[in-house]
């Protein structure tokens, strides 16, 4: 019985760790994928046309990027930017932006 419980806990830990976002990877993606060009360093845009992302929570970013990627949310620039993002990329970006409080 103890073995089964330990096995269940180990499997849960493995899968929950895999689902966790990585803010450092998100920060790297933010810079390398061009987010910083429009949304600014640290999520503060210097151009009023582009929204600042600082202060946005992870759920908002996760939903927005997923919707841009799927086409459910329309914006030519953001649809193109999000098209190449994996689920992990989106989670990492959301975690990084969430950390900019």
N, C-alpha and C. Protein backbone atom coordinates (compact mmCIF):
# COMPACT_ATOMS: atom_id res chain seq x y z
N UNK A 1 0.82 -1.19 0.00
CA UNK A 1 0.00 0.00 0.00
C UNK A 1 0.87 1.26 0.00
N UNK A 2 1.91 1.26 0.81
CA UNK A 2 2.81 2.41 0.86
C UNK A 2 3.49 2.62 -0.48
N UNK A 3 3.84 1.52 -1.12
CA UNK A 3 4.50 1.61 -2.43
C UNK A 3 3.58 2.28 -3.44
N UNK A 4 2.31 1.89 -3.46
CA UNK A 4 1.34 2.46 -4.39
C UNK A 4 1.18 3.95 -4.12
N UNK A 5 1.07 4.34 -2.86
CA UNK A 5 0.93 5.74 -2.51
C UNK A 5 2.17 6.53 -2.94
N UNK A 6 3.35 5.98 -2.67
CA UNK A 6 4.60 6.65 -3.07
C UNK A 6 4.69 6.78 -4.58
N UNK A 7 4.27 5.75 -5.29
CA UNK A 7 4.29 5.78 -6.75
C UNK A 7 3.33 6.85 -7.27
N UNK A 8 2.15 6.94 -6.71
CA UNK A 8 1.17 7.95 -7.13
C UNK A 8 1.70 9.35 -6.87
N UNK A 9 2.32 9.56 -5.72
CA UNK A 9 2.89 10.87 -5.41
C UNK A 9 4.02 11.22 -6.36
N UNK A 10 4.85 10.25 -6.69
CA UNK A 10 5.96 10.50 -7.61
C UNK A 10 5.46 10.85 -9.01
N UNK A 11 4.49 10.14 -9.48
CA UNK A 11 3.92 10.42 -10.81
C UNK A 11 3.28 11.80 -10.83
N UNK A 12 2.55 12.14 -9.78
CA UNK A 12 1.92 13.46 -9.68
C UNK A 12 2.98 14.56 -9.70
N UNK A 13 4.06 14.37 -8.97
CA UNK A 13 5.13 15.37 -8.93
C UNK A 13 5.79 15.54 -10.29
N UNK A 14 5.99 14.45 -10.98
CA UNK A 14 6.61 14.51 -12.31
C UNK A 14 5.74 15.29 -13.27
N UNK A 15 4.45 14.97 -13.30
CA UNK A 15 3.56 15.63 -14.26
C UNK A 15 3.25 17.06 -13.86
N UNK A 16 3.16 17.37 -12.59
CA UNK A 16 2.90 18.76 -12.20
C UNK A 16 4.13 19.61 -12.46
N UNK A 17 5.32 19.07 -12.31
CA UNK A 17 6.54 19.80 -12.62
C UNK A 17 6.65 20.10 -14.09
N UNK A 18 6.21 19.18 -14.93
CA UNK A 18 6.29 19.38 -16.37
C UNK A 18 5.33 20.47 -16.83
N UNK A 19 4.25 20.65 -16.10
CA UNK A 19 3.25 21.63 -16.49
C UNK A 19 3.59 23.03 -16.00
N UNK A 20 4.53 23.15 -15.09
CA UNK A 20 4.88 24.45 -14.55
C UNK A 20 5.61 25.28 -15.60
N UNK A 21 5.31 26.56 -15.59
CA UNK A 21 5.96 27.47 -16.52
C UNK A 21 7.34 27.86 -16.00
N UNK A 22 8.15 28.37 -16.86
CA UNK A 22 9.52 28.76 -16.55
C UNK A 22 9.68 30.24 -16.90
N UNK A 23 9.69 31.10 -15.87
CA UNK A 23 9.77 32.54 -16.09
C UNK A 23 11.07 32.93 -16.79
N UNK A 24 12.18 32.25 -16.50
CA UNK A 24 13.45 32.57 -17.15
C UNK A 24 13.38 32.27 -18.65
N UNK A 25 12.77 31.15 -19.00
CA UNK A 25 12.58 30.82 -20.42
C UNK A 25 11.63 31.83 -21.06
N UNK A 26 10.63 32.26 -20.30
CA UNK A 26 9.69 33.27 -20.80
C UNK A 26 10.37 34.60 -21.05
N UNK A 27 11.27 34.97 -20.17
CA UNK A 27 12.01 36.22 -20.34
C UNK A 27 12.89 36.16 -21.59
N UNK A 28 13.52 35.03 -21.79
CA UNK A 28 14.35 34.83 -22.98
C UNK A 28 13.50 34.89 -24.24
N UNK A 29 12.34 34.23 -24.22
CA UNK A 29 11.44 34.25 -25.38
C UNK A 29 10.91 35.64 -25.63
N UNK A 30 10.61 36.39 -24.58
CA UNK A 30 10.10 37.76 -24.69
C UNK A 30 11.09 38.61 -25.48
N UNK A 31 12.38 38.43 -25.20
CA UNK A 31 13.41 39.19 -25.91
C UNK A 31 13.67 38.65 -27.31
N UNK A 32 13.76 37.34 -27.44
CA UNK A 32 14.17 36.76 -28.73
C UNK A 32 13.06 36.67 -29.76
N UNK A 33 11.81 36.64 -29.33
CA UNK A 33 10.69 36.52 -30.27
C UNK A 33 10.11 37.87 -30.66
N UNK A 34 10.72 38.94 -30.19
CA UNK A 34 10.32 40.26 -30.63
C UNK A 34 9.28 40.96 -29.79
N UNK A 35 8.83 40.35 -28.71
CA UNK A 35 7.80 40.98 -27.85
C UNK A 35 8.29 42.34 -27.34
N UNK A 36 9.56 42.37 -26.98
CA UNK A 36 10.15 43.57 -26.41
C UNK A 36 10.09 44.76 -27.37
N UNK A 37 10.09 44.48 -28.67
CA UNK A 37 10.07 45.54 -29.67
C UNK A 37 8.82 46.39 -29.62
N UNK A 38 7.69 45.79 -29.32
CA UNK A 38 6.42 46.53 -29.26
C UNK A 38 5.96 46.78 -27.82
N UNK A 39 6.13 45.79 -26.97
CA UNK A 39 5.59 45.88 -25.61
C UNK A 39 6.59 46.40 -24.60
N UNK A 40 7.82 46.65 -25.05
CA UNK A 40 8.82 47.31 -24.22
C UNK A 40 9.56 46.43 -23.24
N UNK A 41 10.68 46.97 -22.81
CA UNK A 41 11.51 46.32 -21.81
C UNK A 41 10.73 46.29 -20.49
N UNK A 42 10.70 45.15 -19.87
CA UNK A 42 9.97 45.02 -18.62
C UNK A 42 8.47 45.14 -18.77
N UNK A 43 7.98 45.01 -20.01
CA UNK A 43 6.55 45.04 -20.25
C UNK A 43 5.95 46.43 -20.30
N UNK A 44 6.79 47.45 -20.36
CA UNK A 44 6.30 48.83 -20.41
C UNK A 44 6.55 49.39 -21.80
N UNK A 45 5.49 49.55 -22.56
CA UNK A 45 5.58 50.04 -23.93
C UNK A 45 5.88 51.53 -23.95
N UNK A 46 6.71 51.93 -24.89
CA UNK A 46 6.99 53.37 -25.05
C UNK A 46 6.18 53.94 -26.21
N UNK A 47 5.41 53.10 -26.88
CA UNK A 47 4.57 53.52 -27.99
C UNK A 47 3.12 53.29 -27.57
N UNK A 48 2.31 54.32 -27.59
CA UNK A 48 0.93 54.20 -27.09
C UNK A 48 0.07 53.25 -27.91
N UNK A 49 0.46 52.98 -29.15
CA UNK A 49 -0.29 52.05 -29.99
C UNK A 49 -0.24 50.63 -29.46
N UNK A 50 0.85 50.29 -28.79
CA UNK A 50 1.05 48.93 -28.28
C UNK A 50 0.84 48.92 -26.77
N UNK A 51 0.03 48.00 -26.27
CA UNK A 51 -0.24 47.99 -24.82
C UNK A 51 0.95 47.52 -24.00
N UNK A 52 1.09 48.13 -22.84
CA UNK A 52 2.06 47.64 -21.86
C UNK A 52 1.51 46.35 -21.28
N UNK A 53 2.39 45.42 -20.98
CA UNK A 53 1.96 44.13 -20.44
C UNK A 53 2.24 44.01 -18.94
N UNK A 54 3.07 44.90 -18.42
CA UNK A 54 3.36 44.87 -16.99
C UNK A 54 2.05 45.00 -16.22
N UNK A 55 1.88 44.13 -15.24
CA UNK A 55 0.67 44.14 -14.43
C UNK A 55 -0.41 43.18 -14.91
N UNK A 56 -0.24 42.62 -16.10
CA UNK A 56 -1.21 41.62 -16.60
C UNK A 56 -0.92 40.29 -15.92
N UNK A 57 -1.97 39.56 -15.59
CA UNK A 57 -1.75 38.28 -14.93
C UNK A 57 -1.56 37.16 -15.95
N UNK A 58 -1.04 36.06 -15.47
CA UNK A 58 -0.70 34.93 -16.33
C UNK A 58 -1.91 34.39 -17.08
N UNK A 59 -3.06 34.33 -16.44
CA UNK A 59 -4.26 33.80 -17.09
C UNK A 59 -4.66 34.65 -18.30
N UNK A 60 -4.56 35.96 -18.16
CA UNK A 60 -4.90 36.86 -19.27
C UNK A 60 -3.95 36.64 -20.45
N UNK A 61 -2.66 36.57 -20.16
CA UNK A 61 -1.66 36.38 -21.22
C UNK A 61 -1.83 35.01 -21.86
N UNK A 62 -2.02 34.00 -21.06
CA UNK A 62 -2.22 32.64 -21.58
C UNK A 62 -3.41 32.59 -22.53
N UNK A 63 -4.53 33.16 -22.13
CA UNK A 63 -5.72 33.16 -22.97
C UNK A 63 -5.51 34.01 -24.22
N UNK A 64 -4.93 35.18 -24.06
CA UNK A 64 -4.72 36.07 -25.20
C UNK A 64 -3.82 35.43 -26.26
N UNK A 65 -2.68 34.91 -25.83
CA UNK A 65 -1.76 34.30 -26.80
C UNK A 65 -2.36 33.06 -27.44
N UNK A 66 -3.07 32.27 -26.66
CA UNK A 66 -3.72 31.08 -27.22
C UNK A 66 -4.76 31.49 -28.26
N UNK A 67 -5.53 32.53 -27.95
CA UNK A 67 -6.55 33.00 -28.89
C UNK A 67 -5.93 33.62 -30.14
N UNK A 68 -4.83 34.35 -29.98
CA UNK A 68 -4.14 34.88 -31.16
C UNK A 68 -3.62 33.74 -32.03
N UNK A 69 -3.05 32.73 -31.38
CA UNK A 69 -2.49 31.60 -32.13
C UNK A 69 -3.58 30.84 -32.89
N UNK A 70 -4.73 30.65 -32.28
CA UNK A 70 -5.81 29.89 -32.92
C UNK A 70 -6.58 30.73 -33.93
N UNK A 71 -6.44 32.05 -33.84
CA UNK A 71 -7.20 32.94 -34.71
C UNK A 71 -8.52 33.39 -34.11
N UNK A 72 -8.83 32.92 -32.90
CA UNK A 72 -10.07 33.34 -32.23
C UNK A 72 -10.04 34.82 -31.90
N UNK A 73 -8.85 35.36 -31.70
CA UNK A 73 -8.67 36.80 -31.48
C UNK A 73 -7.91 37.33 -32.68
N UNK A 74 -8.39 38.40 -33.27
CA UNK A 74 -7.83 38.89 -34.53
C UNK A 74 -6.94 40.12 -34.34
N UNK A 75 -5.73 40.00 -34.81
CA UNK A 75 -4.78 41.10 -34.95
C UNK A 75 -3.68 40.54 -35.82
N UNK A 76 -3.49 41.12 -37.00
CA UNK A 76 -2.55 40.54 -37.97
C UNK A 76 -1.16 40.34 -37.39
N UNK A 77 -0.66 41.33 -36.67
CA UNK A 77 0.69 41.22 -36.11
C UNK A 77 0.73 40.14 -35.03
N UNK A 78 -0.21 40.17 -34.10
CA UNK A 78 -0.19 39.20 -33.01
C UNK A 78 -0.53 37.79 -33.48
N UNK A 79 -1.40 37.66 -34.47
CA UNK A 79 -1.68 36.32 -35.01
C UNK A 79 -0.40 35.72 -35.59
N UNK A 80 0.37 36.53 -36.32
CA UNK A 80 1.63 36.04 -36.90
C UNK A 80 2.66 35.74 -35.81
N UNK A 81 2.74 36.60 -34.80
CA UNK A 81 3.72 36.39 -33.73
C UNK A 81 3.39 35.13 -32.92
N UNK A 82 2.12 34.89 -32.67
CA UNK A 82 1.72 33.76 -31.84
C UNK A 82 1.68 32.44 -32.60
N UNK A 83 1.63 32.51 -33.91
CA UNK A 83 1.49 31.29 -34.72
C UNK A 83 2.58 30.26 -34.43
N UNK A 84 3.78 30.70 -34.19
CA UNK A 84 4.89 29.77 -33.97
C UNK A 84 5.13 29.39 -32.52
N UNK A 85 4.27 29.85 -31.62
CA UNK A 85 4.46 29.54 -30.20
C UNK A 85 3.89 28.18 -29.83
N UNK A 86 4.65 27.44 -29.07
CA UNK A 86 4.15 26.16 -28.53
C UNK A 86 3.37 26.45 -27.25
N UNK A 87 2.67 25.45 -26.75
CA UNK A 87 1.97 25.60 -25.48
C UNK A 87 2.96 25.99 -24.38
N UNK A 88 4.13 25.37 -24.38
CA UNK A 88 5.15 25.67 -23.37
C UNK A 88 5.63 27.11 -23.50
N UNK A 89 5.84 27.59 -24.73
CA UNK A 89 6.25 28.97 -24.95
C UNK A 89 5.22 29.93 -24.35
N UNK A 90 3.95 29.67 -24.61
CA UNK A 90 2.88 30.53 -24.12
C UNK A 90 2.86 30.53 -22.60
N UNK A 91 3.00 29.36 -21.99
CA UNK A 91 3.01 29.28 -20.52
C UNK A 91 4.21 30.02 -19.95
N UNK A 92 5.36 29.87 -20.58
CA UNK A 92 6.56 30.55 -20.11
C UNK A 92 6.44 32.07 -20.24
N UNK A 93 5.93 32.53 -21.37
CA UNK A 93 5.73 33.97 -21.56
C UNK A 93 4.72 34.50 -20.54
N UNK A 94 3.65 33.77 -20.32
CA UNK A 94 2.64 34.20 -19.36
C UNK A 94 3.24 34.28 -17.95
N UNK A 95 4.07 33.32 -17.59
CA UNK A 95 4.69 33.32 -16.28
C UNK A 95 5.65 34.50 -16.14
N UNK A 96 6.42 34.77 -17.17
CA UNK A 96 7.36 35.90 -17.13
C UNK A 96 6.59 37.22 -17.00
N UNK A 97 5.59 37.43 -17.83
CA UNK A 97 4.84 38.68 -17.80
C UNK A 97 4.13 38.85 -16.46
N UNK A 98 3.61 37.75 -15.93
CA UNK A 98 2.97 37.79 -14.61
C UNK A 98 3.97 38.24 -13.52
N UNK A 99 5.23 37.93 -13.70
CA UNK A 99 6.24 38.29 -12.71
C UNK A 99 6.63 39.77 -12.74
N UNK A 100 6.15 40.50 -13.73
CA UNK A 100 6.51 41.91 -13.88
C UNK A 100 5.59 42.83 -13.07
N UNK A 101 5.34 42.50 -11.87
CA UNK A 101 4.37 43.27 -11.06
C UNK A 101 4.98 44.50 -10.48
